[in-house]
């Protein structure tokens, strides 16, 4: 069973890494209207952060390393909505996203430490 999970993780991680590499030079904000530019900036940062990740050689660790910037991007986008949005239901969703993603980032960092990955640089 661990092999199967590892194989699935590799299938998911490596194509996304290549995608992240191919997208890193793009200015996603240039494709957006002014109202979306603030929401696109976190995606640009996420793509750069993901492209900068070096493989640890461990599919579990690589998955977690890639998911942290993904989750941080969701938090950053939710913060934009809280600052600029007007809809109460959307604000509630944004607050829940922030709460959930922050908790999951903490869990992922703990899991990485258990896997022996040093996070002292970030």
Protein backbone atom coordinates (compact mmCIF):
# COMPACT_ATOMS: atom_id res chain seq x y z
CA UNK A 1 0.00 0.00 0.00
CA UNK A 2 2.79 2.56 0.72
CA UNK A 3 4.15 1.99 -2.80
CA UNK A 4 0.75 2.72 -4.31
CA UNK A 5 0.39 5.96 -2.34
CA UNK A 6 3.93 6.95 -3.28
CA UNK A 7 3.29 6.22 -6.94
CA UNK A 8 0.11 8.28 -6.86
CA UNK A 9 1.95 11.14 -5.19
CA UNK A 10 4.67 11.04 -7.86
CA UNK A 11 2.09 11.06 -10.63
CA UNK A 12 0.48 14.13 -9.04
CA UNK A 13 3.62 16.02 -8.05
CA UNK A 14 5.87 15.81 -11.09
CA UNK A 15 3.39 16.98 -13.74
CA UNK A 16 2.35 19.84 -11.47
CA UNK A 17 5.97 20.80 -10.93
CA UNK A 18 6.48 20.96 -14.68
CA UNK A 19 3.30 23.01 -14.97
CA UNK A 20 4.53 25.35 -12.24
CA UNK A 21 7.85 25.74 -14.07
CA UNK A 22 6.11 26.56 -17.34
CA UNK A 23 3.82 29.10 -15.67
CA UNK A 24 6.38 30.88 -13.49
CA UNK A 25 7.27 33.55 -16.04
CA UNK A 26 3.69 34.47 -16.77
CA UNK A 27 2.16 37.61 -15.32
CA UNK A 28 -1.25 36.27 -14.35
CA UNK A 29 -2.32 39.73 -13.27
CA UNK A 30 -2.03 40.95 -16.86
CA UNK A 31 -4.95 38.69 -17.79
CA UNK A 32 -7.23 40.05 -15.10
CA UNK A 33 -9.38 43.10 -14.72
CA UNK A 34 -8.45 45.60 -12.03
CA UNK A 35 -10.88 43.94 -9.64
CA UNK A 36 -9.06 40.62 -10.00
CA UNK A 37 -5.46 41.83 -9.97
CA UNK A 38 -5.22 41.64 -6.19
CA UNK A 39 -6.55 38.08 -6.30
CA UNK A 40 -4.10 37.04 -9.01
CA UNK A 41 -0.97 38.28 -7.22
CA UNK A 42 -1.05 35.47 -4.62
CA UNK A 43 -1.25 32.95 -7.45
CA UNK A 44 1.87 34.42 -9.05
CA UNK A 45 3.70 34.16 -5.73
CA UNK A 46 2.46 30.58 -5.28
CA UNK A 47 3.66 29.54 -8.72
CA UNK A 48 7.09 31.06 -8.06
CA UNK A 49 7.32 29.45 -4.63
CA UNK A 50 6.35 26.07 -6.05
CA UNK A 51 8.81 26.38 -8.93
CA UNK A 52 11.60 27.12 -6.43
CA UNK A 53 11.01 23.93 -4.43
CA UNK A 54 13.71 21.32 -4.87
CA UNK A 55 12.67 17.69 -4.66
CA UNK A 56 13.52 16.03 -1.37
CA UNK A 57 13.45 12.62 -3.01
CA UNK A 58 10.53 11.68 -0.77
CA UNK A 59 7.11 11.85 -2.48
CA UNK A 60 5.32 12.43 0.82
CA UNK A 61 7.58 15.34 1.71
CA UNK A 62 7.46 16.77 -1.81
CA UNK A 63 3.66 16.72 -1.73
CA UNK A 64 3.63 18.58 1.58
CA UNK A 65 6.27 21.06 0.39
CA UNK A 66 4.18 21.84 -2.69
CA UNK A 67 0.91 22.12 -0.78
CA UNK A 68 2.15 24.73 1.71
CA UNK A 69 2.47 27.55 -0.87
CA UNK A 70 -0.81 26.38 -2.42
CA UNK A 71 -2.57 26.75 0.93
CA UNK A 72 -0.82 30.07 1.62
CA UNK A 73 -2.10 31.38 -1.70
CA UNK A 74 -5.65 30.48 -0.67
CA UNK A 75 -5.14 32.36 2.60
CA UNK A 76 -3.75 35.40 0.78
CA UNK A 77 -6.67 35.42 -1.67
CA UNK A 78 -9.16 35.10 1.19
CA UNK A 79 -7.53 38.08 2.91
CA UNK A 80 -8.05 40.15 -0.25
CA UNK A 81 -11.74 39.24 -0.22
CA UNK A 82 -12.03 40.25 3.43
CA UNK A 83 -10.37 43.60 2.66
CA UNK A 84 -12.15 44.39 -0.59
CA UNK A 85 -15.30 42.29 -0.75
CA UNK A 86 -18.79 43.30 0.26
CA UNK A 87 -20.75 40.03 0.43
CA UNK A 88 -21.20 38.63 3.95
CA UNK A 89 -21.47 35.00 2.79
CA UNK A 90 -18.28 35.27 0.76
CA UNK A 91 -16.55 36.82 3.79
CA UNK A 92 -17.70 33.87 5.93
CA UNK A 93 -16.28 31.45 3.37
CA UNK A 94 -13.01 33.42 3.26
CA UNK A 95 -12.69 33.34 7.07
CA UNK A 96 -13.26 29.57 7.07
CA UNK A 97 -10.66 29.10 4.34
CA UNK A 98 -8.13 31.10 6.37
CA UNK A 99 -8.85 29.09 9.52
CA UNK A 100 -8.75 25.71 7.75
CA UNK A 101 -5.70 26.42 5.60
CA UNK A 102 -3.67 27.83 8.52
CA UNK A 103 -4.45 24.72 10.55
CA UNK A 104 -3.49 22.47 7.63
CA UNK A 105 -0.23 24.36 7.02
CA UNK A 106 0.66 23.78 10.68
CA UNK A 107 -0.14 20.07 10.26
CA UNK A 108 1.93 19.85 7.07
CA UNK A 109 4.92 21.55 8.69
CA UNK A 110 4.71 19.12 11.62
CA UNK A 111 4.52 16.18 9.21
CA UNK A 112 7.56 17.48 7.33
CA UNK A 113 9.52 17.70 10.57
CA UNK A 114 8.53 14.10 11.34
CA UNK A 115 9.84 13.16 7.89
CA UNK A 116 13.15 14.83 8.73
CA UNK A 117 12.72 17.85 6.47
CA UNK A 118 14.38 21.01 7.82
CA UNK A 119 12.07 24.00 7.49
CA UNK A 120 14.38 26.53 9.14
CA UNK A 121 14.65 28.52 5.88
CA UNK A 122 10.91 29.05 5.56
